[in-house]
Amino acid sequence: MKVNIKRELETRLKRLCGRPSPTKRLIIVLVVCVVFAAANIYFVVSSIYSIGKNDAKKELLQIEHIEGITIPKNDSINFFNK
């Protein structure tokens, strides 16, 4: 049944859009490239801006050393070592 729904949707889209001419296809590809390029530039610029802000410095991760674990003497792990 899923295959029939997929085919039906596909045929309706083909009827709605039709087959684009080579010129229309080129325009569609160029528009999609421009939209994605603009989105990419926006994300890069906003990331660089947020790195430079003073508030962003507070949000950076603080790296600390891991503290050692002390196992009590009466633990079950040390029971077999006796």
C-alpha atoms as a PDB file:
ATOM      1  CA  MET A   1       0.000   0.000   0.000  1.00  0.00           C
ATOM      2  CA  LYS A   2       2.907   2.360   0.719  1.00  0.00           C
ATOM      3  CA  VAL A   3       4.219   1.825  -2.786  1.00  0.00           C
ATOM      4  CA  ASN A   4       0.872   2.873  -4.277  1.00  0.00           C
ATOM      5  CA  ILE A   5       0.783   6.043  -2.177  1.00  0.00           C
ATOM      6  CA  LYS A   6       4.319   6.864  -3.243  1.00  0.00           C
ATOM      7  CA  ARG A   7       3.488   6.320  -6.915  1.00  0.00           C
ATOM      8  CA  GLU A   8       0.293   8.346  -6.647  1.00  0.00           C
ATOM      9  CA  LEU A   9       2.131  11.236  -5.000  1.00  0.00           C
ATOM     10  CA  GLU A  10       4.859  11.039  -7.626  1.00  0.00           C
ATOM     11  CA  THR A  11       2.418  11.129 -10.548  1.00  0.00           C
ATOM     12  CA  ARG A  12       0.478  14.049  -9.043  1.00  0.00           C
ATOM     13  CA  LEU A  13       3.700  16.016  -8.569  1.00  0.00           C
ATOM     14  CA  LYS A  14       4.718  15.298 -12.161  1.00  0.00           C
ATOM     15  CA  ARG A  15       1.335  16.482 -13.410  1.00  0.00           C
ATOM     16  CA  LEU A  16       1.500  19.584 -11.222  1.00  0.00           C
ATOM     17  CA  CYS A  17       5.044  20.594 -12.098  1.00  0.00           C
ATOM     18  CA  GLY A  18       5.441  19.109 -15.536  1.00  0.00           C
ATOM     19  CA  ARG A  19       8.828  18.456 -17.039  1.00  0.00           C
ATOM     20  CA  PRO A  20      10.958  21.599 -16.789  1.00  0.00           C
ATOM     21  CA  SER A  21      12.808  22.818 -19.827  1.00  0.00           C
ATOM     22  CA  PRO A  22      16.629  22.941 -19.719  1.00  0.00           C
ATOM     23  CA  THR A  23      16.501  26.674 -19.049  1.00  0.00           C
ATOM     24  CA  LYS A  24      14.109  26.232 -16.122  1.00  0.00           C
ATOM     25  CA  ARG A  25      16.252  23.402 -14.781  1.00  0.00           C
ATOM     26  CA  LEU A  26      19.346  25.630 -14.896  1.00  0.00           C
ATOM     27  CA  ILE A  27      17.490  28.433 -13.114  1.00  0.00           C
ATOM     28  CA  ILE A  28      16.250  26.036 -10.408  1.00  0.00           C
ATOM     29  CA  VAL A  29      19.761  24.679  -9.824  1.00  0.00           C
ATOM     30  CA  LEU A  30      21.232  28.187  -9.635  1.00  0.00           C
ATOM     31  CA  VAL A  31      18.527  29.380  -7.213  1.00  0.00           C
ATOM     32  CA  VAL A  32      19.064  26.369  -4.949  1.00  0.00           C
ATOM     33  CA  CYS A  33      22.837  26.944  -4.994  1.00  0.00           C
ATOM     34  CA  VAL A  34      22.409  30.625  -4.133  1.00  0.00           C
ATOM     35  CA  VAL A  35      20.012  29.822  -1.264  1.00  0.00           C
ATOM     36  CA  PHE A  36      22.366  27.226   0.221  1.00  0.00           C
ATOM     37  CA  ALA A  37      25.384  29.519  -0.233  1.00  0.00           C
ATOM     38  CA  ALA A  38      23.554  32.347   1.550  1.00  0.00           C
ATOM     39  CA  ALA A  39      22.614  30.016   4.411  1.00  0.00           C
ATOM     40  CA  ASN A  40      26.223  28.818   4.654  1.00  0.00           C
ATOM     41  CA  ILE A  41      27.569  32.383   4.764  1.00  0.00           C
ATOM     42  CA  TYR A  42      25.002  33.305   7.421  1.00  0.00           C
ATOM     43  CA  PHE A  43      26.001  30.389   9.664  1.00  0.00           C
ATOM     44  CA  VAL A  44      29.725  31.109   9.255  1.00  0.00           C
ATOM     45  CA  VAL A  45      29.347  34.822  10.020  1.00  0.00           C
ATOM     46  CA  SER A  46      27.048  34.222  13.008  1.00  0.00           C
ATOM     47  CA  SER A  47      29.463  31.610  14.391  1.00  0.00           C
ATOM     48  CA  ILE A  48      32.427  33.957  14.083  1.00  0.00           C
ATOM     49  CA  TYR A  49      30.399  36.748  15.682  1.00  0.00           C
ATOM     50  CA  SER A  50      29.382  34.569  18.626  1.00  0.00           C
ATOM     51  CA  ILE A  51      33.003  33.490  19.180  1.00  0.00           C
ATOM     52  CA  GLY A  52      34.072  37.134  19.396  1.00  0.00           C
ATOM     53  CA  LYS A  53      31.397  38.183  21.858  1.00  0.00           C
ATOM     54  CA  ASN A  54      32.320  38.516  25.530  1.00  0.00           C
ATOM     55  CA  ASP A  55      29.277  36.444  26.517  1.00  0.00           C
ATOM     56  CA  ALA A  56      30.517  33.553  24.407  1.00  0.00           C
ATOM     57  CA  LYS A  57      33.727  33.403  26.449  1.00  0.00           C
ATOM     58  CA  LYS A  58      31.660  32.558  29.523  1.00  0.00           C
ATOM     59  CA  GLU A  59      29.950  29.700  27.695  1.00  0.00           C
ATOM     60  CA  LEU A  60      33.186  27.956  26.711  1.00  0.00           C
ATOM     61  CA  LEU A  61      33.874  24.658  28.416  1.00  0.00           C
ATOM     62  CA  GLN A  62      36.224  24.656  31.342  1.00  0.00           C
ATOM     63  CA  ILE A  63      38.765  21.844  31.117  1.00  0.00           C
ATOM     64  CA  GLU A  64      39.724  20.272  34.425  1.00  0.00           C
ATOM     65  CA  HIS A  65      41.702  17.200  35.410  1.00  0.00           C
ATOM     66  CA  ILE A  66      39.806  14.136  36.534  1.00  0.00           C
ATOM     67  CA  GLU A  67      40.202  13.443  40.223  1.00  0.00           C
ATOM     68  CA  GLY A  68      41.385  10.024  41.307  1.00  0.00           C
ATOM     69  CA  ILE A  69      39.017   7.526  42.889  1.00  0.00           C
ATOM     70  CA  THR A  70      39.809   6.098  46.318  1.00  0.00           C
ATOM     71  CA  ILE A  71      38.459   2.613  46.980  1.00  0.00           C
ATOM     72  CA  PRO A  72      37.766   1.796  50.643  1.00  0.00           C
ATOM     73  CA  LYS A  73      39.775  -1.069  52.157  1.00  0.00           C
ATOM     74  CA  ASN A  74      36.701  -3.130  53.070  1.00  0.00           C
ATOM     75  CA  ASP A  75      35.362  -3.120  49.508  1.00  0.00           C
ATOM     76  CA  SER A  76      34.395  -6.449  47.875  1.00  0.00           C
ATOM     77  CA  ILE A  77      37.025  -5.936  45.149  1.00  0.00           C
ATOM     78  CA  ASN A  78      39.830  -5.971  47.713  1.00  0.00           C
ATOM     79  CA  PHE A  79      38.273  -8.974  49.479  1.00  0.00           C
ATOM     80  CA  PHE A  80      39.737 -11.386  46.926  1.00  0.00           C
ATOM     81  CA  ASN A  81      43.161  -9.713  46.954  1.00  0.00           C
ATOM     82  CA  LYS A  82      43.729 -10.594  50.629  1.00  0.00           C
END
